[in-house]
Amino acid sequence: MKRIMFGLVVMLAVGGAPAQERAHGWIGKAVPPYPEGVEQQQGSCIGDGAGGGPERICHHMVSVVFDPQSKLRTLLVVQELPHFGKNSIGIVTDAFEPEELDDAAWQVSVGACQQTGQDDGRIVAIVKPHDVEWLGARRAWRVDGEGRMQTLPAKGVRCRNEGYGYDG
């Protein structure tokens, strides 16, 4: 209910829809480490879409982090920063708290989606896994070269169910 009321306030304040529940508090922060208690549940690398060779294959990463205190799952786009050592570090370039992620049945698919039948490794979609090879998207975005998520129409986006056919 709080999320709906907040969304209505935002919608009235800016004259538009409460769109994607942008989580501004994350944007511009270096990660990891994450705030105390917050854990990364998922992370997938994507390239920058501009060629650039193998060194750019993980120029951006899409992560889902979970805060057990607030029970929120947040979708982050992180741009890799130059660093020393084995562990990568990045800066959050975009962040959303989609209300679908309040329900554990909804998952985030990254790098395994198509738009109108064409593979696109930069698509991020919210899907509900079930026993089919291709999952329709509830919501979808495409990560641009700046690490911002641009809304896509969910109709026409489908994602491979990576667990389909696995029996064991």
Protein backbone atom coordinates (compact mmCIF):
# COMPACT_ATOMS: atom_id res chain seq x y z
CA MET A 1 0.00 0.00 0.00
CA LYS A 2 2.86 2.40 0.82
CA ARG A 3 4.37 1.76 -2.62
CA ILE A 4 1.04 2.56 -4.33
CA MET A 5 0.60 5.78 -2.33
CA PHE A 6 4.19 6.83 -3.06
CA GLY A 7 3.63 6.08 -6.75
CA LEU A 8 0.49 8.23 -6.78
CA VAL A 9 2.34 11.11 -5.12
CA VAL A 10 5.15 10.84 -7.69
CA MET A 11 2.62 10.64 -10.51
CA LEU A 12 0.85 13.78 -9.30
CA ALA A 13 4.12 15.63 -8.70
CA VAL A 14 5.61 14.97 -12.12
CA GLY A 15 2.42 14.61 -14.15
CA GLY A 16 3.15 11.09 -15.37
CA ALA A 17 2.80 7.45 -14.48
CA PRO A 18 4.66 5.98 -11.49
CA ALA A 19 6.60 4.07 -14.18
CA GLN A 20 9.50 2.00 -12.90
CA GLU A 21 9.93 2.86 -9.24
CA ARG A 22 13.41 4.29 -9.78
CA ALA A 23 15.55 3.80 -6.66
CA HIS A 24 17.54 7.05 -6.76
CA GLY A 25 19.42 6.34 -3.52
CA TRP A 26 21.53 3.71 -5.29
CA ILE A 27 22.52 5.74 -8.35
CA GLY A 28 26.13 6.98 -8.25
CA LYS A 29 27.21 4.63 -5.45
CA ALA A 30 30.25 2.34 -5.82
CA VAL A 31 29.57 -1.36 -5.19
CA PRO A 32 30.54 -3.76 -3.76
CA PRO A 33 30.43 -3.63 -0.84
CA TYR A 34 26.67 -3.31 -0.47
CA PRO A 35 25.01 -1.72 2.56
CA GLU A 36 25.08 -3.89 5.67
CA GLY A 37 22.67 -6.79 5.38
CA VAL A 38 21.99 -6.31 1.66
CA GLU A 39 22.96 -9.33 -0.41
CA GLN A 40 23.39 -9.82 -4.12
CA GLN A 41 21.02 -12.56 -5.32
CA GLN A 42 21.78 -12.42 -9.03
CA GLY A 43 24.32 -10.84 -11.34
CA SER A 44 24.82 -11.02 -15.10
CA CYS A 45 27.37 -9.29 -17.30
CA ILE A 46 26.40 -7.62 -20.54
CA GLY A 47 28.64 -5.96 -23.12
CA ASP A 48 28.50 -2.29 -23.98
CA GLY A 49 26.92 -2.96 -27.36
CA ALA A 50 29.55 -0.93 -29.17
CA GLY A 51 31.99 -3.67 -30.12
CA GLY A 52 35.16 -2.88 -28.24
CA GLY A 53 36.43 -6.43 -27.90
CA PRO A 54 36.57 -8.90 -25.03
CA GLU A 55 37.69 -6.33 -22.46
CA ARG A 56 34.26 -4.69 -22.78
CA ILE A 57 32.21 -7.89 -22.36
CA CYS A 58 31.28 -6.98 -18.80
CA HIS A 59 31.22 -3.22 -19.18
CA HIS A 60 27.82 -3.26 -17.47
CA MET A 61 26.36 -5.77 -15.06
CA VAL A 62 22.74 -6.19 -14.04
CA SER A 63 22.28 -7.28 -10.43
CA VAL A 64 19.37 -8.05 -8.17
CA VAL A 65 20.03 -7.25 -4.53
CA PHE A 66 17.84 -8.12 -1.56
CA ASP A 67 17.43 -6.21 1.69
CA PRO A 68 16.02 -8.64 4.29
CA GLN A 69 15.03 -5.75 6.58
CA SER A 70 12.78 -3.97 4.07
CA LYS A 71 12.09 -7.16 2.06
CA LEU A 72 12.84 -5.19 -1.14
CA ARG A 73 14.55 -6.67 -4.19
CA THR A 74 16.25 -3.93 -6.20
CA LEU A 75 17.37 -4.14 -9.81
CA LEU A 76 20.74 -2.42 -10.37
CA VAL A 77 22.77 -1.60 -13.48
CA VAL A 78 26.44 -1.32 -12.54
CA GLN A 79 29.20 0.00 -14.79
CA GLU A 80 32.59 -1.57 -14.18
CA LEU A 81 35.29 0.83 -13.00
CA PRO A 82 39.00 0.44 -13.74
CA HIS A 83 40.57 -1.30 -10.74
CA PHE A 84 43.50 -3.33 -9.47
CA GLY A 85 43.14 -6.85 -8.19
CA LYS A 86 40.76 -9.72 -8.83
CA ASN A 87 37.54 -8.28 -7.45
CA SER A 88 35.64 -5.92 -9.69
CA ILE A 89 34.06 -2.71 -8.50
CA GLY A 90 31.48 -0.61 -10.26
CA ILE A 91 29.25 2.41 -10.04
CA VAL A 92 25.47 2.10 -10.05
CA THR A 93 24.18 3.86 -13.17
CA ASP A 94 20.49 2.94 -12.78
CA ALA A 95 18.28 1.30 -10.16
CA PHE A 96 14.66 0.21 -9.91
CA GLU A 97 12.43 -1.39 -7.30
CA PRO A 98 9.74 -2.94 -9.51
CA GLU A 99 6.72 -3.95 -7.48
CA GLU A 100 6.68 -7.37 -9.18
CA LEU A 101 9.88 -8.21 -7.30
CA ASP A 102 7.93 -7.99 -4.02
CA ASP A 103 6.70 -11.47 -5.04
CA ALA A 104 9.42 -14.15 -5.18
CA ALA A 105 7.58 -15.86 -8.07
CA TRP A 106 8.74 -13.07 -10.41
CA GLN A 107 12.34 -13.23 -11.58
CA VAL A 108 14.72 -11.10 -13.62
CA SER A 109 16.02 -12.40 -16.95
CA VAL A 110 19.19 -10.84 -18.36
CA GLY A 111 20.97 -11.61 -21.61
CA ALA A 112 18.60 -14.40 -22.69
CA CYS A 113 15.80 -12.40 -24.30
CA GLN A 114 14.50 -11.56 -27.73
CA GLN A 115 12.53 -8.62 -29.02
CA THR A 116 10.23 -9.49 -31.92
CA GLY A 117 12.22 -12.69 -32.49
CA GLN A 118 15.68 -11.07 -32.52
CA ASP A 119 18.23 -11.94 -29.81
CA ASP A 120 19.25 -8.92 -27.74
CA GLY A 121 21.69 -9.48 -24.88
CA ARG A 122 21.02 -6.00 -23.48
CA ILE A 123 17.37 -6.72 -22.62
CA VAL A 124 16.39 -7.02 -18.95
CA ALA A 125 12.92 -8.43 -18.31
CA ILE A 126 10.72 -9.46 -15.44
CA VAL A 127 9.31 -12.94 -16.03
CA LYS A 128 7.42 -15.59 -14.07
CA PRO A 129 9.13 -18.96 -14.65
CA HIS A 130 6.95 -21.97 -15.42
CA ASP A 131 7.35 -25.11 -17.52
CA VAL A 132 7.73 -23.60 -21.01
CA GLU A 133 10.83 -22.91 -23.11
CA TRP A 134 10.08 -19.20 -23.68
CA LEU A 135 8.68 -16.86 -21.03
CA GLY A 136 6.69 -13.75 -21.87
CA ALA A 137 7.92 -10.55 -20.24
CA ARG A 138 5.78 -8.71 -17.70
CA ARG A 139 8.06 -5.66 -18.02
CA ALA A 140 11.16 -5.07 -20.10
CA TRP A 141 14.01 -2.62 -20.52
CA ARG A 142 17.10 -2.34 -22.70
CA VAL A 143 20.34 -1.17 -21.10
CA ASP A 144 21.80 1.62 -23.23
CA GLY A 145 25.51 2.43 -23.65
CA GLU A 146 25.38 4.79 -20.67
CA GLY A 147 24.03 2.11 -18.34
CA ARG A 148 20.50 3.47 -18.17
CA MET A 149 17.48 1.22 -18.57
CA GLN A 150 15.18 2.32 -21.38
CA THR A 151 11.62 1.00 -21.20
CA LEU A 152 10.59 -1.47 -23.90
CA PRO A 153 7.06 -2.61 -24.65
CA ALA A 154 6.76 -5.98 -22.89
CA LYS A 155 4.65 -7.29 -25.76
CA GLY A 156 7.06 -8.82 -28.23
CA VAL A 157 9.74 -9.56 -25.59
CA ARG A 158 10.32 -13.15 -24.61
CA CYS A 159 13.11 -14.73 -22.60
CA ARG A 160 14.54 -18.23 -22.66
CA ASN A 161 13.61 -20.21 -19.59
CA GLU A 162 17.09 -21.38 -18.66
CA GLY A 163 15.67 -24.06 -16.36
CA TYR A 164 13.30 -25.55 -18.96
CA GLY A 165 13.80 -29.27 -19.44
CA TYR A 166 16.21 -29.58 -16.50
CA ASP A 167 15.22 -32.60 -14.45
CA GLY A 168 17.70 -32.64 -11.85
